[in-house]
Amino acid sequence: DFASKTVRTITDNVECPSLSPDGTRI
């Protein structure tokens, strides 16, 4: 979250993510 300057983990072994146009897949 850029505004709050925070991050939280979701899952592991994921590098260089790219979000799909519909926002449902990485």
mmCIF file of all heavy atoms, coordinates in Angstrom:
data_MODEL
# 
_entry.id   MODEL 
# 
loop_
_atom_site.group_PDB 
_atom_site.id 
_atom_site.type_symbol 
_atom_site.label_atom_id 
_atom_site.label_alt_id 
_atom_site.label_comp_id 
_atom_site.label_asym_id 
_atom_site.label_entity_id 
_atom_site.label_seq_id 
_atom_site.pdbx_PDB_ins_code 
_atom_site.Cartn_x 
_atom_site.Cartn_y 
_atom_site.Cartn_z 
_atom_site.occupancy 
_atom_site.B_iso_or_equiv 
_atom_site.pdbx_formal_charge 
_atom_site.auth_seq_id 
_atom_site.auth_comp_id 
_atom_site.auth_asym_id 
_atom_site.auth_atom_id 
_atom_site.pdbx_PDB_model_num 
ATOM 1   N N   . ASP A 1 1  ? 0.873  -1.172  0.000   1.00 0.00 ? 1  ASP A N   1 
ATOM 2   C CA  . ASP A 1 1  ? 0.000  0.000   0.000   1.00 0.00 ? 1  ASP A CA  1 
ATOM 3   C C   . ASP A 1 1  ? 0.911  1.223   0.000   1.00 0.00 ? 1  ASP A C   1 
ATOM 4   O O   . ASP A 1 1  ? 1.620  1.480   0.985   1.00 0.00 ? 1  ASP A O   1 
ATOM 5   C CB  . ASP A 1 1  ? -0.901 -0.012  1.230   1.00 0.00 ? 1  ASP A CB  1 
ATOM 6   C CG  . ASP A 1 1  ? -1.940 1.099   1.222   1.00 0.00 ? 1  ASP A CG  1 
ATOM 7   O OD1 . ASP A 1 1  ? -1.537 2.282   1.250   1.00 0.00 ? 1  ASP A OD1 1 
ATOM 8   O OD2 . ASP A 1 1  ? -3.142 0.792   1.193   1.00 0.00 ? 1  ASP A OD2 1 
ATOM 9   N N   . PHE A 1 2  ? 0.929  1.957   -1.118  1.00 0.00 ? 2  PHE A N   1 
ATOM 10  C CA  . PHE A 1 2  ? 1.860  3.075   -1.237  1.00 0.00 ? 2  PHE A CA  1 
ATOM 11  C C   . PHE A 1 2  ? 1.527  4.193   -0.257  1.00 0.00 ? 2  PHE A C   1 
ATOM 12  O O   . PHE A 1 2  ? 2.424  4.787   0.345   1.00 0.00 ? 2  PHE A O   1 
ATOM 13  C CB  . PHE A 1 2  ? 1.855  3.601   -2.675  1.00 0.00 ? 2  PHE A CB  1 
ATOM 14  C CG  . PHE A 1 2  ? 2.893  4.651   -2.926  1.00 0.00 ? 2  PHE A CG  1 
ATOM 15  C CD1 . PHE A 1 2  ? 4.232  4.333   -2.976  1.00 0.00 ? 2  PHE A CD1 1 
ATOM 16  C CD2 . PHE A 1 2  ? 2.525  5.982   -3.123  1.00 0.00 ? 2  PHE A CD2 1 
ATOM 17  C CE1 . PHE A 1 2  ? 5.202  5.309   -3.209  1.00 0.00 ? 2  PHE A CE1 1 
ATOM 18  C CE2 . PHE A 1 2  ? 3.479  6.968   -3.354  1.00 0.00 ? 2  PHE A CE2 1 
ATOM 19  C CZ  . PHE A 1 2  ? 4.825  6.629   -3.395  1.00 0.00 ? 2  PHE A CZ  1 
ATOM 20  N N   . ALA A 1 3  ? 0.257  4.497   -0.071  1.00 0.00 ? 3  ALA A N   1 
ATOM 21  C CA  . ALA A 1 3  ? -0.139 5.598   0.803   1.00 0.00 ? 3  ALA A CA  1 
ATOM 22  C C   . ALA A 1 3  ? 0.265  5.349   2.250   1.00 0.00 ? 3  ALA A C   1 
ATOM 23  O O   . ALA A 1 3  ? 0.756  6.248   2.934   1.00 0.00 ? 3  ALA A O   1 
ATOM 24  C CB  . ALA A 1 3  ? -1.645 5.832   0.705   1.00 0.00 ? 3  ALA A CB  1 
ATOM 25  N N   . SER A 1 4  ? 0.078  4.115   2.719   1.00 0.00 ? 4  SER A N   1 
ATOM 26  C CA  . SER A 1 4  ? 0.397  3.797   4.114   1.00 0.00 ? 4  SER A CA  1 
ATOM 27  C C   . SER A 1 4  ? 1.822  3.283   4.288   1.00 0.00 ? 4  SER A C   1 
ATOM 28  O O   . SER A 1 4  ? 2.261  3.039   5.411   1.00 0.00 ? 4  SER A O   1 
ATOM 29  C CB  . SER A 1 4  ? -0.584 2.752   4.661   1.00 0.00 ? 4  SER A CB  1 
ATOM 30  O OG  . SER A 1 4  ? -0.436 1.516   3.982   1.00 0.00 ? 4  SER A OG  1 
ATOM 31  N N   . LYS A 1 5  ? 2.540  3.092   3.175   1.00 0.00 ? 5  LYS A N   1 
ATOM 32  C CA  . LYS A 1 5  ? 3.930  2.603   3.197   1.00 0.00 ? 5  LYS A CA  1 
ATOM 33  C C   . LYS A 1 5  ? 4.036  1.289   3.962   1.00 0.00 ? 5  LYS A C   1 
ATOM 34  O O   . LYS A 1 5  ? 4.845  1.119   4.870   1.00 0.00 ? 5  LYS A O   1 
ATOM 35  C CB  . LYS A 1 5  ? 4.855  3.665   3.805   1.00 0.00 ? 5  LYS A CB  1 
ATOM 36  C CG  . LYS A 1 5  ? 4.814  5.023   3.099   1.00 0.00 ? 5  LYS A CG  1 
ATOM 37  C CD  . LYS A 1 5  ? 5.263  4.913   1.651   1.00 0.00 ? 5  LYS A CD  1 
ATOM 38  C CE  . LYS A 1 5  ? 5.420  6.285   0.991   1.00 0.00 ? 5  LYS A CE  1 
ATOM 39  N NZ  . LYS A 1 5  ? 4.123  6.942   0.683   1.00 0.00 ? 5  LYS A NZ  1 
ATOM 40  N N   . THR A 1 6  ? 3.184  0.322   3.548   1.00 0.00 ? 6  THR A N   1 
ATOM 41  C CA  . THR A 1 6  ? 3.170  -0.996  4.185   1.00 0.00 ? 6  THR A CA  1 
ATOM 42  C C   . THR A 1 6  ? 3.171  -2.090  3.122   1.00 0.00 ? 6  THR A C   1 
ATOM 43  O O   . THR A 1 6  ? 2.722  -1.882  1.990   1.00 0.00 ? 6  THR A O   1 
ATOM 44  C CB  . THR A 1 6  ? 1.922  -1.175  5.064   1.00 0.00 ? 6  THR A CB  1 
ATOM 45  O OG1 . THR A 1 6  ? 0.740  -1.029  4.249   1.00 0.00 ? 6  THR A OG1 1 
ATOM 46  C CG2 . THR A 1 6  ? 1.895  -0.167  6.203   1.00 0.00 ? 6  THR A CG2 1 
ATOM 47  N N   . VAL A 1 7  ? 3.652  -3.278  3.509   1.00 0.00 ? 7  VAL A N   1 
ATOM 48  C CA  . VAL A 1 7  ? 3.546  -4.469  2.669   1.00 0.00 ? 7  VAL A CA  1 
ATOM 49  C C   . VAL A 1 7  ? 3.215  -5.660  3.557   1.00 0.00 ? 7  VAL A C   1 
ATOM 50  O O   . VAL A 1 7  ? 3.545  -5.680  4.745   1.00 0.00 ? 7  VAL A O   1 
ATOM 51  C CB  . VAL A 1 7  ? 4.849  -4.775  1.888   1.00 0.00 ? 7  VAL A CB  1 
ATOM 52  C CG1 . VAL A 1 7  ? 5.209  -3.653  0.941   1.00 0.00 ? 7  VAL A CG1 1 
ATOM 53  C CG2 . VAL A 1 7  ? 6.005  -5.072  2.832   1.00 0.00 ? 7  VAL A CG2 1 
ATOM 54  N N   . ARG A 1 8  ? 2.552  -6.661  2.949   1.00 0.00 ? 8  ARG A N   1 
ATOM 55  C CA  . ARG A 1 8  ? 2.250  -7.899  3.675   1.00 0.00 ? 8  ARG A CA  1 
ATOM 56  C C   . ARG A 1 8  ? 2.466  -9.086  2.751   1.00 0.00 ? 8  ARG A C   1 
ATOM 57  O O   . ARG A 1 8  ? 2.229  -9.005  1.548   1.00 0.00 ? 8  ARG A O   1 
ATOM 58  C CB  . ARG A 1 8  ? 0.810  -7.895  4.189   1.00 0.00 ? 8  ARG A CB  1 
ATOM 59  C CG  . ARG A 1 8  ? -0.251 -7.834  3.113   1.00 0.00 ? 8  ARG A CG  1 
ATOM 60  C CD  . ARG A 1 8  ? -1.658 -7.845  3.697   1.00 0.00 ? 8  ARG A CD  1 
ATOM 61  N NE  . ARG A 1 8  ? -2.679 -7.783  2.649   1.00 0.00 ? 8  ARG A NE  1 
ATOM 62  C CZ  . ARG A 1 8  ? -3.177 -8.854  2.033   1.00 0.00 ? 8  ARG A CZ  1 
ATOM 63  N NH1 . ARG A 1 8  ? -2.748 -10.072 2.359   1.00 0.00 ? 8  ARG A NH1 1 
ATOM 64  N NH2 . ARG A 1 8  ? -4.099 -8.720  1.088   1.00 0.00 ? 8  ARG A NH2 1 
ATOM 65  N N   . THR A 1 9  ? 2.924  -10.191 3.308   1.00 0.00 ? 9  THR A N   1 
ATOM 66  C CA  . THR A 1 9  ? 3.190  -11.374 2.499   1.00 0.00 ? 9  THR A CA  1 
ATOM 67  C C   . THR A 1 9  ? 1.892  -12.090 2.146   1.00 0.00 ? 9  THR A C   1 
ATOM 68  O O   . THR A 1 9  ? 0.928  -12.094 2.912   1.00 0.00 ? 9  THR A O   1 
ATOM 69  C CB  . THR A 1 9  ? 4.119  -12.352 3.226   1.00 0.00 ? 9  THR A CB  1 
ATOM 70  O OG1 . THR A 1 9  ? 3.514  -12.771 4.462   1.00 0.00 ? 9  THR A OG1 1 
ATOM 71  C CG2 . THR A 1 9  ? 5.473  -11.711 3.521   1.00 0.00 ? 9  THR A CG2 1 
ATOM 72  N N   . ILE A 1 10 ? 1.902  -12.721 0.946   1.00 0.00 ? 10 ILE A N   1 
ATOM 73  C CA  . ILE A 1 10 ? 0.739  -13.478 0.475   1.00 0.00 ? 10 ILE A CA  1 
ATOM 74  C C   . ILE A 1 10 ? 1.080  -14.950 0.307   1.00 0.00 ? 10 ILE A C   1 
ATOM 75  O O   . ILE A 1 10 ? 0.378  -15.828 0.798   1.00 0.00 ? 10 ILE A O   1 
ATOM 76  C CB  . ILE A 1 10 ? 0.221  -12.896 -0.858  1.00 0.00 ? 10 ILE A CB  1 
ATOM 77  C CG1 . ILE A 1 10 ? -0.288 -11.476 -0.640  1.00 0.00 ? 10 ILE A CG1 1 
ATOM 78  C CG2 . ILE A 1 10 ? -0.891 -13.771 -1.438  1.00 0.00 ? 10 ILE A CG2 1 
ATOM 79  C CD1 . ILE A 1 10 ? -0.703 -10.774 -1.909  1.00 0.00 ? 10 ILE A CD1 1 
ATOM 80  N N   . THR A 1 11 ? 2.169  -15.233 -0.407  1.00 0.00 ? 11 THR A N   1 
ATOM 81  C CA  . THR A 1 11 ? 2.615  -16.614 -0.603  1.00 0.00 ? 11 THR A CA  1 
ATOM 82  C C   . THR A 1 11 ? 4.097  -16.564 -0.944  1.00 0.00 ? 11 THR A C   1 
ATOM 83  O O   . THR A 1 11 ? 4.680  -15.477 -1.070  1.00 0.00 ? 11 THR A O   1 
ATOM 84  C CB  . THR A 1 11 ? 1.802  -17.314 -1.716  1.00 0.00 ? 11 THR A CB  1 
ATOM 85  O OG1 . THR A 1 11 ? 2.138  -18.702 -1.750  1.00 0.00 ? 11 THR A OG1 1 
ATOM 86  C CG2 . THR A 1 11 ? 2.075  -16.693 -3.076  1.00 0.00 ? 11 THR A CG2 1 
ATOM 87  N N   . ASP A 1 12 ? 4.742  -17.730 -1.099  1.00 0.00 ? 12 ASP A N   1 
ATOM 88  C CA  . ASP A 1 12 ? 6.175  -17.724 -1.353  1.00 0.00 ? 12 ASP A CA  1 
ATOM 89  C C   . ASP A 1 12 ? 6.508  -18.266 -2.742  1.00 0.00 ? 12 ASP A C   1 
ATOM 90  O O   . ASP A 1 12 ? 5.639  -18.704 -3.485  1.00 0.00 ? 12 ASP A O   1 
ATOM 91  C CB  . ASP A 1 12 ? 6.928  -18.514 -0.270  1.00 0.00 ? 12 ASP A CB  1 
ATOM 92  C CG  . ASP A 1 12 ? 6.494  -19.962 -0.175  1.00 0.00 ? 12 ASP A CG  1 
ATOM 93  O OD1 . ASP A 1 12 ? 5.711  -20.424 -1.026  1.00 0.00 ? 12 ASP A OD1 1 
ATOM 94  O OD2 . ASP A 1 12 ? 6.948  -20.643 0.758   1.00 0.00 ? 12 ASP A OD2 1 
ATOM 95  N N   . ASN A 1 13 ? 7.800  -18.222 -3.081  1.00 0.00 ? 13 ASN A N   1 
ATOM 96  C CA  . ASN A 1 13 ? 8.348  -18.677 -4.360  1.00 0.00 ? 13 ASN A CA  1 
ATOM 97  C C   . ASN A 1 13 ? 7.673  -17.992 -5.548  1.00 0.00 ? 13 ASN A C   1 
ATOM 98  O O   . ASN A 1 13 ? 7.351  -18.626 -6.548  1.00 0.00 ? 13 ASN A O   1 
ATOM 99  C CB  . ASN A 1 13 ? 8.267  -20.203 -4.505  1.00 0.00 ? 13 ASN A CB  1 
ATOM 100 C CG  . ASN A 1 13 ? 9.176  -20.724 -5.612  1.00 0.00 ? 13 ASN A CG  1 
ATOM 101 O OD1 . ASN A 1 13 ? 10.116 -20.041 -6.035  1.00 0.00 ? 13 ASN A OD1 1 
ATOM 102 N ND2 . ASN A 1 13 ? 8.893  -21.915 -6.100  1.00 0.00 ? 13 ASN A ND2 1 
ATOM 103 N N   . VAL A 1 14 ? 7.467  -16.689 -5.423  1.00 0.00 ? 14 VAL A N   1 
ATOM 104 C CA  . VAL A 1 14 ? 6.928  -15.877 -6.514  1.00 0.00 ? 14 VAL A CA  1 
ATOM 105 C C   . VAL A 1 14 ? 7.896  -14.727 -6.758  1.00 0.00 ? 14 VAL A C   1 
ATOM 106 O O   . VAL A 1 14 ? 8.145  -13.927 -5.852  1.00 0.00 ? 14 VAL A O   1 
ATOM 107 C CB  . VAL A 1 14 ? 5.525  -15.327 -6.184  1.00 0.00 ? 14 VAL A CB  1 
ATOM 108 C CG1 . VAL A 1 14 ? 5.076  -14.321 -7.232  1.00 0.00 ? 14 VAL A CG1 1 
ATOM 109 C CG2 . VAL A 1 14 ? 4.522  -16.464 -6.075  1.00 0.00 ? 14 VAL A CG2 1 
ATOM 110 N N   . GLU A 1 15 ? 8.451  -14.650 -7.966  1.00 0.00 ? 15 GLU A N   1 
ATOM 111 C CA  . GLU A 1 15 ? 9.393  -13.590 -8.298  1.00 0.00 ? 15 GLU A CA  1 
ATOM 112 C C   . GLU A 1 15 ? 8.905  -12.812 -9.520  1.00 0.00 ? 15 GLU A C   1 
ATOM 113 O O   . GLU A 1 15 ? 8.315  -13.366 -10.438 1.00 0.00 ? 15 GLU A O   1 
ATOM 114 C CB  . GLU A 1 15 ? 10.775 -14.170 -8.598  1.00 0.00 ? 15 GLU A CB  1 
ATOM 115 C CG  . GLU A 1 15 ? 11.437 -14.853 -7.412  1.00 0.00 ? 15 GLU A CG  1 
ATOM 116 C CD  . GLU A 1 15 ? 12.860 -15.251 -7.731  1.00 0.00 ? 15 GLU A CD  1 
ATOM 117 O OE1 . GLU A 1 15 ? 13.695 -14.354 -7.971  1.00 0.00 ? 15 GLU A OE1 1 
ATOM 118 O OE2 . GLU A 1 15 ? 13.136 -16.464 -7.752  1.00 0.00 ? 15 GLU A OE2 1 
ATOM 119 N N   . CYS A 1 16 ? 9.189  -11.526 -9.505  1.00 0.00 ? 16 CYS A N   1 
ATOM 120 C CA  . CYS A 1 16 ? 8.879  -10.642 -10.635 1.00 0.00 ? 16 CYS A CA  1 
ATOM 121 C C   . CYS A 1 16 ? 7.423  -10.734 -11.061 1.00 0.00 ? 16 CYS A C   1 
ATOM 122 O O   . CYS A 1 16 ? 7.103  -11.091 -12.201 1.00 0.00 ? 16 CYS A O   1 
ATOM 123 C CB  . CYS A 1 16 ? 9.796  -10.960 -11.812 1.00 0.00 ? 16 CYS A CB  1 
ATOM 124 S SG  . CYS A 1 16 ? 11.535 -10.697 -11.459 1.00 0.00 ? 16 CYS A SG  1 
ATOM 125 N N   . PRO A 1 17 ? 6.481  -10.414 -10.166 1.00 0.00 ? 17 PRO A N   1 
ATOM 126 C CA  . PRO A 1 17 ? 5.064  -10.534 -10.491 1.00 0.00 ? 17 PRO A CA  1 
ATOM 127 C C   . PRO A 1 17 ? 4.601  -9.514  -11.513 1.00 0.00 ? 17 PRO A C   1 
ATOM 128 O O   . PRO A 1 17 ? 5.153  -8.418  -11.640 1.00 0.00 ? 17 PRO A O   1 
ATOM 129 C CB  . PRO A 1 17 ? 4.378  -10.294 -9.137  1.00 0.00 ? 17 PRO A CB  1 
ATOM 130 C CG  . PRO A 1 17 ? 5.337  -9.401  -8.407  1.00 0.00 ? 17 PRO A CG  1 
ATOM 131 C CD  . PRO A 1 17 ? 6.703  -9.880  -8.813  1.00 0.00 ? 17 PRO A CD  1 
ATOM 132 N N   . SER A 1 18 ? 3.560  -9.885  -12.252 1.00 0.00 ? 18 SER A N   1 
ATOM 133 C CA  . SER A 1 18 ? 2.920  -9.000  -13.227 1.00 0.00 ? 18 SER A CA  1 
ATOM 134 C C   . SER A 1 18 ? 1.423  -9.236  -13.159 1.00 0.00 ? 18 SER A C   1 
ATOM 135 O O   . SER A 1 18 ? 0.955  -10.343 -13.427 1.00 0.00 ? 18 SER A O   1 
ATOM 136 C CB  . SER A 1 18 ? 3.460  -9.285  -14.633 1.00 0.00 ? 18 SER A CB  1 
ATOM 137 O OG  . SER A 1 18 ? 2.870  -8.428  -15.583 1.00 0.00 ? 18 SER A OG  1 
ATOM 138 N N   . LEU A 1 19 ? 0.661  -8.206  -12.787 1.00 0.00 ? 19 LEU A N   1 
ATOM 139 C CA  . LEU A 1 19 ? -0.773 -8.338  -12.565 1.00 0.00 ? 19 LEU A CA  1 
ATOM 140 C C   . LEU A 1 19 ? -1.527 -8.307  -13.887 1.00 0.00 ? 19 LEU A C   1 
ATOM 141 O O   . LEU A 1 19 ? -1.264 -7.462  -14.749 1.00 0.00 ? 19 LEU A O   1 
ATOM 142 C CB  . LEU A 1 19 ? -1.265 -7.218  -11.658 1.00 0.00 ? 19 LEU A CB  1 
ATOM 143 C CG  . LEU A 1 19 ? -2.721 -7.282  -11.198 1.00 0.00 ? 19 LEU A CG  1 
ATOM 144 C CD1 . LEU A 1 19 ? -2.974 -8.518  -10.333 1.00 0.00 ? 19 LEU A CD1 1 
ATOM 145 C CD2 . LEU A 1 19 ? -3.083 -6.007  -10.428 1.00 0.00 ? 19 LEU A CD2 1 
ATOM 146 N N   . SER A 1 20 ? -2.471 -9.225  -14.042 1.00 0.00 ? 20 SER A N   1 
ATOM 147 C CA  . SER A 1 20 ? -3.270 -9.304  -15.261 1.00 0.00 ? 20 SER A CA  1 
ATOM 148 C C   . SER A 1 20 ? -4.165 -8.072  -15.399 1.00 0.00 ? 20 SER A C   1 
ATOM 149 O O   . SER A 1 20 ? -4.483 -7.398  -14.410 1.00 0.00 ? 20 SER A O   1 
ATOM 150 C CB  . SER A 1 20 ? -4.135 -10.569 -15.253 1.00 0.00 ? 20 SER A CB  1 
ATOM 151 O OG  . SER A 1 20 ? -5.067 -10.534 -14.185 1.00 0.00 ? 20 SER A OG  1 
ATOM 152 N N   . PRO A 1 21 ? -4.600 -7.757  -16.625 1.00 0.00 ? 21 PRO A N   1 
ATOM 153 C CA  . PRO A 1 21 ? -5.457 -6.582  -16.829 1.00 0.00 ? 21 PRO A CA  1 
ATOM 154 C C   . PRO A 1 21 ? -6.728 -6.604  -15.995 1.00 0.00 ? 21 PRO A C   1 
ATOM 155 O O   . PRO A 1 21 ? -7.221 -5.536  -15.592 1.00 0.00 ? 21 PRO A O   1 
ATOM 156 C CB  . PRO A 1 21 ? -5.770 -6.637  -18.334 1.00 0.00 ? 21 PRO A CB  1 
ATOM 157 C CG  . PRO A 1 21 ? -4.593 -7.344  -18.929 1.00 0.00 ? 21 PRO A CG  1 
ATOM 158 C CD  . PRO A 1 21 ? -4.203 -8.375  -17.911 1.00 0.00 ? 21 PRO A CD  1 
ATOM 159 N N   . ASP A 1 22 ? -7.269 -7.792  -15.719 1.00 0.00 ? 22 ASP A N   1 
ATOM 160 C CA  . ASP A 1 22 ? -8.491 -7.860  -14.909 1.00 0.00 ? 22 ASP A CA  1 
ATOM 161 C C   . ASP A 1 22 ? -8.209 -7.934  -13.412 1.00 0.00 ? 22 ASP A C   1 
ATOM 162 O O   . ASP A 1 22 ? -9.141 -8.001  -12.604 1.00 0.00 ? 22 ASP A O   1 
ATOM 163 C CB  . ASP A 1 22 ? -9.374 -9.035  -15.346 1.00 0.00 ? 22 ASP A CB  1 
ATOM 164 C CG  . ASP A 1 22 ? -8.717 -10.393 -15.114 1.00 0.00 ? 22 ASP A CG  1 
ATOM 165 O OD1 . ASP A 1 22 ? -7.616 -10.457 -14.521 1.00 0.00 ? 22 ASP A OD1 1 
ATOM 166 O OD2 . ASP A 1 22 ? -9.311 -11.414 -15.543 1.00 0.00 ? 22 ASP A OD2 1 
ATOM 167 N N   . GLY A 1 23 ? -6.943 -7.926  -13.027 1.00 0.00 ? 23 GLY A N   1 
ATOM 168 C CA  . GLY A 1 23 ? -6.572 -7.894  -11.614 1.00 0.00 ? 23 GLY A CA  1 
ATOM 169 C C   . GLY A 1 23 ? -6.757 -9.186  -10.854 1.00 0.00 ? 23 GLY A C   1 
ATOM 170 O O   . GLY A 1 23 ? -6.669 -9.181  -9.621  1.00 0.00 ? 23 GLY A O   1 
ATOM 171 N N   . THR A 1 24 ? -6.947 -10.312 -11.546 1.00 0.00 ? 24 THR A N   1 
ATOM 172 C CA  . THR A 1 24 ? -7.231 -11.568 -10.851 1.00 0.00 ? 24 THR A CA  1 
ATOM 173 C C   . THR A 1 24 ? -6.072 -12.555 -10.834 1.00 0.00 ? 24 THR A C   1 
ATOM 174 O O   . THR A 1 24 ? -6.093 -13.512 -10.077 1.00 0.00 ? 24 THR A O   1 
ATOM 175 C CB  . THR A 1 24 ? -8.428 -12.285 -11.506 1.00 0.00 ? 24 THR A CB  1 
ATOM 176 O OG1 . THR A 1 24 ? -8.096 -12.664 -12.854 1.00 0.00 ? 24 THR A OG1 1 
ATOM 177 C CG2 . THR A 1 24 ? -9.655 -11.383 -11.518 1.00 0.00 ? 24 THR A CG2 1 
ATOM 178 N N   . ARG A 1 25 ? -5.047 -12.304 -11.676 1.00 0.00 ? 25 ARG A N   1 
ATOM 179 C CA  . ARG A 1 25 ? -3.955 -13.269 -11.812 1.00 0.00 ? 25 ARG A CA  1 
ATOM 180 C C   . ARG A 1 25 ? -2.604 -12.556 -11.803 1.00 0.00 ? 25 ARG A C   1 
ATOM 181 O O   . ARG A 1 25 ? -2.510 -11.394 -12.164 1.00 0.00 ? 25 ARG A O   1 
ATOM 182 C CB  . ARG A 1 25 ? -4.099 -14.064 -13.117 1.00 0.00 ? 25 ARG A CB  1 
ATOM 183 C CG  . ARG A 1 25 ? -5.322 -14.960 -13.190 1.00 0.00 ? 25 ARG A CG  1 
ATOM 184 C CD  . ARG A 1 25 ? -5.620 -15.324 -14.649 1.00 0.00 ? 25 ARG A CD  1 
ATOM 185 N NE  . ARG A 1 25 ? -6.091 -14.167 -15.399 1.00 0.00 ? 25 ARG A NE  1 
ATOM 186 C CZ  . ARG A 1 25 ? -6.164 -14.099 -16.727 1.00 0.00 ? 25 ARG A CZ  1 
ATOM 187 N NH1 . ARG A 1 25 ? -5.754 -15.132 -17.458 1.00 0.00 ? 25 ARG A NH1 1 
ATOM 188 N NH2 . ARG A 1 25 ? -6.614 -13.011 -17.327 1.00 0.00 ? 25 ARG A NH2 1 
ATOM 189 N N   . ILE A 1 26 ? -1.616 -13.300 -11.385 1.00 0.00 ? 26 ILE A N   1 
ATOM 190 C CA  . ILE A 1 26 ? -0.240 -12.811 -11.374 1.00 0.00 ? 26 ILE A CA  1 
ATOM 191 C C   . ILE A 1 26 ? 0.598  -13.719 -12.258 1.00 0.00 ? 26 ILE A C   1 
ATOM 192 O O   . ILE A 1 26 ? 0.689  -14.926 -12.018 1.00 0.00 ? 26 ILE A O   1 
ATOM 193 C CB  . ILE A 1 26 ? 0.351  -12.817 -9.949  1.00 0.00 ? 26 ILE A CB  1 
ATOM 194 C CG1 . ILE A 1 26 ? -0.325 -11.781 -9.055  1.00 0.00 ? 26 ILE A CG1 1 
ATOM 195 C CG2 . ILE A 1 26 ? 1.865  -12.633 -9.985  1.00 0.00 ? 26 ILE A CG2 1 
ATOM 196 C CD1 . ILE A 1 26 ? 0.195  -10.380 -9.191  1.00 0.00 ? 26 ILE A CD1 1 
# 
